[in-house]
Amino acid sequence: MPPKRIAIIGANGQLGSDLVSEFGKRGHDIVPLNHERMDIGDAEAVRRVLSETRPDIILNTAAMHNVEACEADPVAAFRVNALGVRHLALAAADLDAVLAHYSTDYVFDGAKQAPYAETDAPRPLNAYGNSKLAGEYFVRSLAPRHFVLRVGAIYGHAPCRAKGGRNFVTTMLALGRERPFLRVVDDEIVSPTPTAAIAGQSVALCQTEHYGLYHMAARGRCSWHAFAASIFDLAGIKTDLQVAAPGEFPAKVPRPAYSALENAGLARIGLDLMPDWRDGLKQFLDGRS
């Protein structure tokens, strides 16, 4: 792909930072857009900033991610995750730009108890999932050249501001070194995915015109307990890891108990570059040493 001007919204975030790195090292002209420069909930700001920068590709990682906060204030959640995305889709259509929008595994309810493909019907359980699904529909209906990319259980080197600067991996590393034992749930199944892998896969997909809806997750699946066990094993941490009792950590908001994703769309076009979740974790931990 020849050099493009690429606007990355949420460029200082966990995923955005890796997108800046991966697209930047390939010679693209990166326009980092953070909340201070452009609030996607402000239609006029979106129109003005994108009209000024005139990107060829827009990558949107900005969202209201905190599930409890979304449930407490669904109006705020829809302002960013749905209407904000609508503003981006309209601007992308006006500029004839490609819009790659990152969504979530939380658009599903977990009842399938098997990895979700793009053809499975979404059924969100909470305000966060519903607001993200609404954003997907705005992209798919308004931006002719688009990628809707569902991810889940992500972790990266940059701080996750919505979770106090940590993600599951960094939280487990810290707690495992501080405490003699830990209890982690084993009844929630996910596809843990490093943001670096998502960024690399995004570069490959954006070089094509295979527009549409894609799942972008590390291959395989595990419980949070199994994920923690792998973190401790690879990091050489000896804390006593126990299975949490049912209901020991009651969720304040309904969440899918099974949200592993299948990259059926990427496989269909012969472009599934995502690693196995164990390999992705090892690469992430090696990068911290």
C-alpha atoms as a PDB file:
ATOM      1  CA  MET A   1       0.000   0.000   0.000  1.00  0.00           C
ATOM      2  CA  PRO A   2       1.484   3.392  -0.959  1.00  0.00           C
ATOM      3  CA  PRO A   3       1.825   5.906   1.909  1.00  0.00           C
ATOM      4  CA  LYS A   4      -1.528   7.203   3.136  1.00  0.00           C
ATOM      5  CA  ARG A   5      -2.628   9.883   5.556  1.00  0.00           C
ATOM      6  CA  ILE A   6      -4.134   8.011   8.472  1.00  0.00           C
ATOM      7  CA  ALA A   7      -6.112   9.631  11.291  1.00  0.00           C
ATOM      8  CA  ILE A   8      -5.982   7.521  14.459  1.00  0.00           C
ATOM      9  CA  ILE A   9      -8.641   8.507  16.981  1.00  0.00           C
ATOM     10  CA  GLY A  10      -7.660   7.592  20.505  1.00  0.00           C
ATOM     11  CA  ALA A  11      -4.002   7.534  19.461  1.00  0.00           C
ATOM     12  CA  ASN A  12      -2.680   7.602  23.040  1.00  0.00           C
ATOM     13  CA  GLY A  13      -4.796   4.669  24.197  1.00  0.00           C
ATOM     14  CA  GLN A  14      -3.965   1.008  24.627  1.00  0.00           C
ATOM     15  CA  LEU A  15      -4.870  -0.003  21.061  1.00  0.00           C
ATOM     16  CA  GLY A  16      -4.321   3.395  19.472  1.00  0.00           C
ATOM     17  CA  SER A  17      -0.669   3.468  20.540  1.00  0.00           C
ATOM     18  CA  ASP A  18       0.047   0.205  18.732  1.00  0.00           C
ATOM     19  CA  LEU A  19      -1.832   1.382  15.642  1.00  0.00           C
ATOM     20  CA  VAL A  20       0.324   4.514  15.551  1.00  0.00           C
ATOM     21  CA  SER A  21       3.444   2.327  15.777  1.00  0.00           C
ATOM     22  CA  GLU A  22       2.434  -0.286  13.191  1.00  0.00           C
ATOM     23  CA  PHE A  23       1.124   2.120  10.556  1.00  0.00           C
ATOM     24  CA  GLY A  24       3.907   4.623  11.237  1.00  0.00           C
ATOM     25  CA  LYS A  25       6.736   2.152  10.716  1.00  0.00           C
ATOM     26  CA  ARG A  26       5.344   1.469   7.238  1.00  0.00           C
ATOM     27  CA  GLY A  27       5.806   5.069   6.211  1.00  0.00           C
ATOM     28  CA  HIS A  28       2.243   6.344   6.514  1.00  0.00           C
ATOM     29  CA  ASP A  29       1.513   9.942   7.518  1.00  0.00           C
ATOM     30  CA  ILE A  30      -0.055   9.572  10.954  1.00  0.00           C
ATOM     31  CA  VAL A  31      -2.485  12.158  12.311  1.00  0.00           C
ATOM     32  CA  PRO A  32      -2.968  11.355  16.030  1.00  0.00           C
ATOM     33  CA  LEU A  33      -6.310  12.593  17.321  1.00  0.00           C
ATOM     34  CA  ASN A  34      -7.007  12.465  21.038  1.00  0.00           C
ATOM     35  CA  HIS A  35     -10.014  13.697  22.992  1.00  0.00           C
ATOM     36  CA  GLU A  36      -8.391  17.050  23.691  1.00  0.00           C
ATOM     37  CA  ARG A  37      -8.215  17.781  19.968  1.00  0.00           C
ATOM     38  CA  MET A  38     -11.472  16.183  18.840  1.00  0.00           C
ATOM     39  CA  ASP A  39     -14.430  15.003  20.908  1.00  0.00           C
ATOM     40  CA  ILE A  40     -16.222  12.538  18.621  1.00  0.00           C
ATOM     41  CA  GLY A  41     -19.481  13.310  20.427  1.00  0.00           C
ATOM     42  CA  ASP A  42     -19.299  16.827  18.983  1.00  0.00           C
ATOM     43  CA  ALA A  43     -20.520  16.648  15.373  1.00  0.00           C
ATOM     44  CA  GLU A  44     -19.111  20.051  14.427  1.00  0.00           C
ATOM     45  CA  ALA A  45     -15.678  19.249  15.864  1.00  0.00           C
ATOM     46  CA  VAL A  46     -15.548  15.976  13.949  1.00  0.00           C
ATOM     47  CA  ARG A  47     -16.529  17.660  10.696  1.00  0.00           C
ATOM     48  CA  ARG A  48     -14.046  20.500  11.151  1.00  0.00           C
ATOM     49  CA  VAL A  49     -11.002  18.482  12.246  1.00  0.00           C
ATOM     50  CA  LEU A  50     -11.393  15.762   9.641  1.00  0.00           C
ATOM     51  CA  SER A  51     -12.073  18.312   6.904  1.00  0.00           C
ATOM     52  CA  GLU A  52      -8.840  20.062   7.860  1.00  0.00           C
ATOM     53  CA  THR A  53      -6.699  16.923   8.039  1.00  0.00           C
ATOM     54  CA  ARG A  54      -8.349  15.110   5.101  1.00  0.00           C
ATOM     55  CA  PRO A  55      -7.238  11.555   5.960  1.00  0.00           C
ATOM     56  CA  ASP A  56      -7.374   8.667   3.507  1.00  0.00           C
ATOM     57  CA  ILE A  57      -8.120   6.227   6.341  1.00  0.00           C
ATOM     58  CA  ILE A  58      -9.745   6.876   9.723  1.00  0.00           C
ATOM     59  CA  LEU A  59      -9.096   4.392  12.537  1.00  0.00           C
ATOM     60  CA  ASN A  60     -11.452   4.820  15.485  1.00  0.00           C
ATOM     61  CA  THR A  61     -10.554   3.342  18.858  1.00  0.00           C
ATOM     62  CA  ALA A  62     -12.303   6.043  20.900  1.00  0.00           C
ATOM     63  CA  ALA A  63     -15.146   4.821  23.083  1.00  0.00           C
ATOM     64  CA  MET A  64     -16.684   4.964  26.511  1.00  0.00           C
ATOM     65  CA  HIS A  65     -15.309   1.600  27.668  1.00  0.00           C
ATOM     66  CA  ASN A  66     -16.178   1.422  31.354  1.00  0.00           C
ATOM     67  CA  VAL A  67     -19.100  -1.011  31.472  1.00  0.00           C
ATOM     68  CA  GLU A  68     -20.382   0.139  34.866  1.00  0.00           C
ATOM     69  CA  ALA A  69     -20.206   3.805  33.870  1.00  0.00           C
ATOM     70  CA  CYS A  70     -22.123   3.078  30.659  1.00  0.00           C
ATOM     71  CA  GLU A  71     -24.852   1.313  32.615  1.00  0.00           C
ATOM     72  CA  ALA A  72     -25.110   4.207  35.052  1.00  0.00           C
ATOM     73  CA  ASP A  73     -25.269   6.801  32.273  1.00  0.00           C
ATOM     74  CA  PRO A  74     -26.492   5.229  29.008  1.00  0.00           C
ATOM     75  CA  VAL A  75     -27.073   8.668  27.483  1.00  0.00           C
ATOM     76  CA  ALA A  76     -23.363   9.415  27.789  1.00  0.00           C
ATOM     77  CA  ALA A  77     -22.524   5.962  26.433  1.00  0.00           C
ATOM     78  CA  PHE A  78     -24.691   6.432  23.349  1.00  0.00           C
ATOM     79  CA  ARG A  79     -23.357   9.966  22.822  1.00  0.00           C
ATOM     80  CA  VAL A  80     -19.837   8.557  22.307  1.00  0.00           C
ATOM     81  CA  ASN A  81     -20.265   4.926  21.242  1.00  0.00           C
ATOM     82  CA  ALA A  82     -23.198   5.427  18.874  1.00  0.00           C
ATOM     83  CA  LEU A  83     -23.760   9.067  17.899  1.00  0.00           C
ATOM     84  CA  GLY A  84     -20.048   9.826  17.969  1.00  0.00           C
ATOM     85  CA  VAL A  85     -19.457   6.976  15.564  1.00  0.00           C
ATOM     86  CA  ARG A  86     -22.281   8.280  13.376  1.00  0.00           C
ATOM     87  CA  HIS A  87     -20.441  11.600  13.146  1.00  0.00           C
ATOM     88  CA  LEU A  88     -17.299   9.776  12.011  1.00  0.00           C
ATOM     89  CA  ALA A  89     -19.208   7.694   9.460  1.00  0.00           C
ATOM     90  CA  LEU A  90     -20.809  10.781   7.925  1.00  0.00           C
ATOM     91  CA  ALA A  91     -17.453  12.562   7.758  1.00  0.00           C
ATOM     92  CA  ALA A  92     -15.780   9.520   6.201  1.00  0.00           C
ATOM     93  CA  ALA A  93     -18.494   9.362   3.545  1.00  0.00           C
ATOM     94  CA  ASP A  94     -18.080  13.083   2.759  1.00  0.00           C
ATOM     95  CA  LEU A  95     -14.285  12.694   2.430  1.00  0.00           C
ATOM     96  CA  ASP A  96     -14.490   9.352   0.575  1.00  0.00           C
ATOM     97  CA  ALA A  97     -12.220   7.996   3.321  1.00  0.00           C
ATOM     98  CA  VAL A  98     -12.015   4.452   4.638  1.00  0.00           C
ATOM     99  CA  LEU A  99     -13.360   4.122   8.187  1.00  0.00           C
ATOM    100  CA  ALA A 100     -12.051   1.287  10.370  1.00  0.00           C
ATOM    101  CA  HIS A 101     -14.073   1.199  13.586  1.00  0.00           C
ATOM    102  CA  TYR A 102     -13.231  -1.067  16.543  1.00  0.00           C
ATOM    103  CA  SER A 103     -16.166  -2.695  18.297  1.00  0.00           C
ATOM    104  CA  THR A 104     -16.513  -5.364  20.984  1.00  0.00           C
ATOM    105  CA  ASP A 105     -17.289  -8.986  21.825  1.00  0.00           C
ATOM    106  CA  TYR A 106     -19.902  -7.594  24.230  1.00  0.00           C
ATOM    107  CA  VAL A 107     -22.407  -7.331  21.382  1.00  0.00           C
ATOM    108  CA  PHE A 108     -23.130 -11.023  22.148  1.00  0.00           C
ATOM    109  CA  ASP A 109     -24.959 -12.556  25.106  1.00  0.00           C
ATOM    110  CA  GLY A 110     -22.790 -15.671  25.565  1.00  0.00           C
ATOM    111  CA  ALA A 111     -25.663 -18.136  25.227  1.00  0.00           C
ATOM    112  CA  LYS A 112     -24.120 -19.880  22.217  1.00  0.00           C
ATOM    113  CA  GLN A 113     -21.310 -21.327  24.363  1.00  0.00           C
ATOM    114  CA  ALA A 114     -19.079 -21.563  21.295  1.00  0.00           C
ATOM    115  CA  PRO A 115     -16.928 -18.993  19.470  1.00  0.00           C
ATOM    116  CA  TYR A 116     -19.019 -16.304  17.792  1.00  0.00           C
ATOM    117  CA  ALA A 117     -18.668 -15.722  14.045  1.00  0.00           C
ATOM    118  CA  GLU A 118     -19.668 -12.583  12.190  1.00  0.00           C
ATOM    119  CA  THR A 119     -22.849 -14.300  11.007  1.00  0.00           C
ATOM    120  CA  ASP A 120     -24.135 -14.850  14.562  1.00  0.00           C
ATOM    121  CA  ALA A 121     -26.935 -12.524  15.629  1.00  0.00           C
ATOM    122  CA  PRO A 122     -25.849  -9.997  18.296  1.00  0.00           C
ATOM    123  CA  ARG A 123     -27.792  -9.650  21.524  1.00  0.00           C
ATOM    124  CA  PRO A 124     -26.073  -7.293  23.995  1.00  0.00           C
ATOM    125  CA  LEU A 125     -26.740  -7.679  27.694  1.00  0.00           C
ATOM    126  CA  ASN A 126     -25.887  -4.162  28.821  1.00  0.00           C
ATOM    127  CA  ALA A 127     -25.829  -0.497  27.814  1.00  0.00           C
ATOM    128  CA  TYR A 128     -22.193  -0.660  26.743  1.00  0.00           C
ATOM    129  CA  GLY A 129     -22.835  -3.528  24.315  1.00  0.00           C
ATOM    130  CA  ASN A 130     -25.984  -1.898  22.959  1.00  0.00           C
ATOM    131  CA  SER A 131     -24.235   1.432  22.400  1.00  0.00           C
ATOM    132  CA  LYS A 132     -21.354  -0.262  20.599  1.00  0.00           C
ATOM    133  CA  LEU A 133     -23.746  -2.259  18.429  1.00  0.00           C
ATOM    134  CA  ALA A 134     -25.580   0.942  17.482  1.00  0.00           C
ATOM    135  CA  GLY A 135     -22.238   2.414  16.449  1.00  0.00           C
ATOM    136  CA  GLU A 136     -21.585  -0.605  14.232  1.00  0.00           C
ATOM    137  CA  TYR A 137     -24.880  -0.111  12.435  1.00  0.00           C
ATOM    138  CA  PHE A 138     -24.151   3.563  11.799  1.00  0.00           C
ATOM    139  CA  VAL A 139     -20.821   2.663  10.206  1.00  0.00           C
ATOM    140  CA  ARG A 140     -22.288  -0.101   8.086  1.00  0.00           C
ATOM    141  CA  SER A 141     -25.158   2.049   6.841  1.00  0.00           C
ATOM    142  CA  LEU A 142     -23.415   5.403   6.341  1.00  0.00           C
ATOM    143  CA  ALA A 143     -19.753   4.802   5.400  1.00  0.00           C
ATOM    144  CA  PRO A 144     -19.480   3.056   2.002  1.00  0.00           C
ATOM    145  CA  ARG A 145     -15.856   2.003   2.566  1.00  0.00           C
ATOM    146  CA  HIS A 146     -15.663   0.599   6.075  1.00  0.00           C
ATOM    147  CA  PHE A 147     -14.252  -2.074   8.321  1.00  0.00           C
ATOM    148  CA  VAL A 148     -16.104  -2.901  11.535  1.00  0.00           C
ATOM    149  CA  LEU A 149     -13.621  -4.814  13.689  1.00  0.00           C
ATOM    150  CA  ARG A 150     -14.796  -6.643  16.800  1.00  0.00           C
ATOM    151  CA  VAL A 151     -12.179  -7.302  19.467  1.00  0.00           C
ATOM    152  CA  GLY A 152     -12.323  -8.428  23.076  1.00  0.00           C
ATOM    153  CA  ALA A 153     -10.264  -9.131  26.218  1.00  0.00           C
ATOM    154  CA  ILE A 154      -7.499  -6.934  24.828  1.00  0.00           C
ATOM    155  CA  TYR A 155      -4.267  -5.953  26.552  1.00  0.00           C
ATOM    156  CA  GLY A 156      -1.330  -3.799  25.511  1.00  0.00           C
ATOM    157  CA  HIS A 157       1.705  -1.945  26.785  1.00  0.00           C
ATOM    158  CA  ALA A 158       0.101   1.514  26.848  1.00  0.00           C
ATOM    159  CA  PRO A 159      -2.022   2.305  29.926  1.00  0.00           C
ATOM    160  CA  CYS A 160      -5.762   1.630  29.704  1.00  0.00           C
ATOM    161  CA  ARG A 161      -7.243   4.814  31.186  1.00  0.00           C
ATOM    162  CA  ALA A 162     -10.738   3.314  31.502  1.00  0.00           C
ATOM    163  CA  LYS A 163      -9.325   0.668  33.866  1.00  0.00           C
ATOM    164  CA  GLY A 164      -7.064   2.823  35.991  1.00  0.00           C
ATOM    165  CA  GLY A 165      -4.051   2.412  33.715  1.00  0.00           C
ATOM    166  CA  ARG A 166      -3.983  -1.379  33.909  1.00  0.00           C
ATOM    167  CA  ASN A 167      -5.298  -4.354  31.965  1.00  0.00           C
ATOM    168  CA  PHE A 168      -5.830  -7.951  33.082  1.00  0.00           C
ATOM    169  CA  VAL A 169      -2.239  -8.992  32.374  1.00  0.00           C
ATOM    170  CA  THR A 170      -0.581  -6.097  34.166  1.00  0.00           C
ATOM    171  CA  THR A 171      -3.038  -6.408  37.063  1.00  0.00           C
ATOM    172  CA  MET A 172      -2.236 -10.116  37.488  1.00  0.00           C
ATOM    173  CA  LEU A 173       1.504  -9.454  37.302  1.00  0.00           C
ATOM    174  CA  ALA A 174       1.240  -6.830  40.031  1.00  0.00           C
ATOM    175  CA  LEU A 175      -1.077  -8.816  42.306  1.00  0.00           C
ATOM    176  CA  GLY A 176       0.806 -12.069  41.769  1.00  0.00           C
ATOM    177  CA  ARG A 177       3.999 -10.474  43.062  1.00  0.00           C
ATOM    178  CA  GLU A 178       2.249  -8.804  46.009  1.00  0.00           C
ATOM    179  CA  ARG A 179      -0.034 -11.529  47.365  1.00  0.00           C
ATOM    180  CA  PRO A 180       0.508 -15.117  48.531  1.00  0.00           C
ATOM    181  CA  PHE A 181      -2.673 -16.291  46.795  1.00  0.00           C
ATOM    182  CA  LEU A 182      -5.241 -15.058  44.286  1.00  0.00           C
ATOM    183  CA  ARG A 183      -8.727 -16.205  43.342  1.00  0.00           C
ATOM    184  CA  VAL A 184      -9.884 -15.786  39.737  1.00  0.00           C
ATOM    185  CA  VAL A 185     -13.132 -16.836  38.058  1.00  0.00           C
ATOM    186  CA  ASP A 186     -13.132 -19.799  35.671  1.00  0.00           C
ATOM    187  CA  ASP A 187     -16.735 -19.480  34.401  1.00  0.00           C
ATOM    188  CA  GLU A 188     -16.125 -16.691  31.858  1.00  0.00           C
ATOM    189  CA  ILE A 189     -14.578 -17.689  28.509  1.00  0.00           C
ATOM    190  CA  VAL A 190     -12.728 -15.180  26.333  1.00  0.00           C
ATOM    191  CA  SER A 191     -10.164 -14.869  23.528  1.00  0.00           C
ATOM    192  CA  PRO A 192      -7.355 -12.822  25.152  1.00  0.00           C
ATOM    193  CA  THR A 193      -5.794 -10.660  22.445  1.00  0.00           C
ATOM    194  CA  PRO A 194      -2.720  -8.394  22.474  1.00  0.00           C
ATOM    195  CA  THR A 195      -3.226  -5.007  20.875  1.00  0.00           C
ATOM    196  CA  ALA A 196       0.005  -5.392  18.897  1.00  0.00           C
ATOM    197  CA  ALA A 197      -1.537  -8.331  17.019  1.00  0.00           C
ATOM    198  CA  ILE A 198      -4.688  -6.317  16.311  1.00  0.00           C
ATOM    199  CA  ALA A 199      -2.567  -3.472  14.948  1.00  0.00           C
ATOM    200  CA  GLY A 200      -0.595  -5.754  12.645  1.00  0.00           C
ATOM    201  CA  GLN A 201      -3.771  -7.409  11.396  1.00  0.00           C
ATOM    202  CA  SER A 202      -5.339  -3.980  10.844  1.00  0.00           C
ATOM    203  CA  VAL A 203      -2.447  -2.931   8.615  1.00  0.00           C
ATOM    204  CA  ALA A 204      -2.879  -6.045   6.490  1.00  0.00           C
ATOM    205  CA  LEU A 205      -6.656  -5.638   6.194  1.00  0.00           C
ATOM    206  CA  CYS A 206      -6.513  -1.920   5.375  1.00  0.00           C
ATOM    207  CA  GLN A 207      -4.303  -2.732   2.399  1.00  0.00           C
ATOM    208  CA  THR A 208      -7.301  -4.469   0.828  1.00  0.00           C
ATOM    209  CA  GLU A 209     -10.751  -3.445  -0.335  1.00  0.00           C
ATOM    210  CA  HIS A 210     -12.446  -6.350   1.441  1.00  0.00           C
ATOM    211  CA  TYR A 211     -14.731  -3.998   3.329  1.00  0.00           C
ATOM    212  CA  GLY A 212     -17.211  -5.287   5.905  1.00  0.00           C
ATOM    213  CA  LEU A 213     -17.554  -6.789   9.381  1.00  0.00           C
ATOM    214  CA  TYR A 214     -14.680  -8.803  10.873  1.00  0.00           C
ATOM    215  CA  HIS A 215     -13.771 -10.459  14.137  1.00  0.00           C
ATOM    216  CA  MET A 216     -10.142  -9.830  15.098  1.00  0.00           C
ATOM    217  CA  ALA A 217      -9.207 -12.021  18.051  1.00  0.00           C
ATOM    218  CA  ALA A 218      -6.347 -14.262  19.049  1.00  0.00           C
ATOM    219  CA  ARG A 219      -7.060 -17.860  18.158  1.00  0.00           C
ATOM    220  CA  GLY A 220      -8.350 -20.223  20.811  1.00  0.00           C
ATOM    221  CA  ARG A 221     -10.137 -19.479  24.038  1.00  0.00           C
ATOM    222  CA  CYS A 222      -9.721 -19.847  27.784  1.00  0.00           C
ATOM    223  CA  SER A 223     -11.207 -18.824  31.118  1.00  0.00           C
ATOM    224  CA  TRP A 224      -9.863 -15.859  33.031  1.00  0.00           C
ATOM    225  CA  HIS A 225      -8.435 -18.368  35.521  1.00  0.00           C
ATOM    226  CA  ALA A 226      -6.575 -20.265  32.793  1.00  0.00           C
ATOM    227  CA  PHE A 227      -5.332 -16.974  31.384  1.00  0.00           C
ATOM    228  CA  ALA A 228      -4.001 -15.955  34.802  1.00  0.00           C
ATOM    229  CA  ALA A 229      -2.314 -19.356  35.211  1.00  0.00           C
ATOM    230  CA  SER A 230      -0.501 -18.866  31.894  1.00  0.00           C
ATOM    231  CA  ILE A 231       0.564 -15.350  32.893  1.00  0.00           C
ATOM    232  CA  PHE A 232       2.075 -16.622  36.146  1.00  0.00           C
ATOM    233  CA  ASP A 233       3.722 -19.608  34.465  1.00  0.00           C
ATOM    234  CA  LEU A 234       5.395 -17.528  31.745  1.00  0.00           C
ATOM    235  CA  ALA A 235       6.406 -14.780  34.200  1.00  0.00           C
ATOM    236  CA  GLY A 236       7.757 -17.236  36.787  1.00  0.00           C
ATOM    237  CA  ILE A 237       5.387 -16.054  39.512  1.00  0.00           C
ATOM    238  CA  LYS A 238       4.715 -18.630  42.254  1.00  0.00           C
ATOM    239  CA  THR A 239       1.568 -17.265  43.905  1.00  0.00           C
ATOM    240  CA  ASP A 240      -1.158 -19.760  44.816  1.00  0.00           C
ATOM    241  CA  LEU A 241      -3.826 -19.340  42.108  1.00  0.00           C
ATOM    242  CA  GLN A 242      -7.263 -20.582  43.177  1.00  0.00           C
ATOM    243  CA  VAL A 243     -10.633 -20.815  41.438  1.00  0.00           C
ATOM    244  CA  ALA A 244     -13.089 -18.251  42.737  1.00  0.00           C
ATOM    245  CA  ALA A 245     -16.302 -19.633  44.165  1.00  0.00           C
ATOM    246  CA  PRO A 246     -19.525 -19.097  42.169  1.00  0.00           C
ATOM    247  CA  GLY A 247     -20.814 -15.617  42.931  1.00  0.00           C
ATOM    248  CA  GLU A 248     -17.690 -14.627  44.857  1.00  0.00           C
ATOM    249  CA  PHE A 249     -17.191 -11.600  42.626  1.00  0.00           C
ATOM    250  CA  PRO A 250     -20.751 -10.640  41.637  1.00  0.00           C
ATOM    251  CA  ALA A 251     -20.925  -8.501  38.520  1.00  0.00           C
ATOM    252  CA  LYS A 252     -22.574  -5.120  38.900  1.00  0.00           C
ATOM    253  CA  VAL A 253     -23.695  -5.270  35.265  1.00  0.00           C
ATOM    254  CA  PRO A 254     -24.744  -8.341  33.211  1.00  0.00           C
ATOM    255  CA  ARG A 255     -21.902  -9.570  30.992  1.00  0.00           C
ATOM    256  CA  PRO A 256     -21.626 -12.477  28.555  1.00  0.00           C
ATOM    257  CA  ALA A 257     -20.163 -15.554  30.238  1.00  0.00           C
ATOM    258  CA  TYR A 258     -18.839 -16.706  26.857  1.00  0.00           C
ATOM    259  CA  SER A 259     -17.532 -14.125  24.406  1.00  0.00           C
ATOM    260  CA  ALA A 260     -14.769 -15.872  22.473  1.00  0.00           C
ATOM    261  CA  LEU A 261     -14.645 -14.807  18.827  1.00  0.00           C
ATOM    262  CA  GLU A 262     -14.001 -16.766  15.633  1.00  0.00           C
ATOM    263  CA  ASN A 263     -12.179 -14.947  12.823  1.00  0.00           C
ATOM    264  CA  ALA A 264     -14.370 -16.463  10.120  1.00  0.00           C
ATOM    265  CA  GLY A 265     -14.335 -13.346   7.944  1.00  0.00           C
ATOM    266  CA  LEU A 266     -10.546 -13.057   7.930  1.00  0.00           C
ATOM    267  CA  ALA A 267     -10.223 -16.776   7.200  1.00  0.00           C
ATOM    268  CA  ARG A 268     -12.647 -16.456   4.288  1.00  0.00           C
ATOM    269  CA  ILE A 269     -10.398 -13.921   2.536  1.00  0.00           C
ATOM    270  CA  GLY A 270      -7.211 -15.813   3.467  1.00  0.00           C
ATOM    271  CA  LEU A 271      -5.952 -13.080   5.788  1.00  0.00           C
ATOM    272  CA  ASP A 272      -6.199 -14.410   9.350  1.00  0.00           C
ATOM    273  CA  LEU A 273      -2.804 -13.434  10.780  1.00  0.00           C
ATOM    274  CA  MET A 274      -3.833 -13.515  14.437  1.00  0.00           C
ATOM    275  CA  PRO A 275      -1.680 -15.611  16.800  1.00  0.00           C
ATOM    276  CA  ASP A 276      -2.808 -18.271  19.236  1.00  0.00           C
ATOM    277  CA  TRP A 277      -3.648 -16.551  22.512  1.00  0.00           C
ATOM    278  CA  ARG A 278      -0.747 -18.323  24.278  1.00  0.00           C
ATOM    279  CA  ASP A 279       1.780 -17.170  21.676  1.00  0.00           C
ATOM    280  CA  GLY A 280       0.394 -13.640  21.852  1.00  0.00           C
ATOM    281  CA  LEU A 281       0.795 -13.616  25.623  1.00  0.00           C
ATOM    282  CA  LYS A 282       4.394 -14.865  25.412  1.00  0.00           C
ATOM    283  CA  GLN A 283       5.286 -12.172  22.866  1.00  0.00           C
ATOM    284  CA  PHE A 284       3.706  -9.526  25.088  1.00  0.00           C
ATOM    285  CA  LEU A 285       5.594 -10.650  28.196  1.00  0.00           C
ATOM    286  CA  ASP A 286       8.863 -10.934  26.256  1.00  0.00           C
ATOM    287  CA  GLY A 287       8.335  -7.322  25.186  1.00  0.00           C
ATOM    288  CA  ARG A 288       8.153  -6.231  28.827  1.00  0.00           C
ATOM    289  CA  SER A 289      11.502  -7.761  29.778  1.00  0.00           C
END
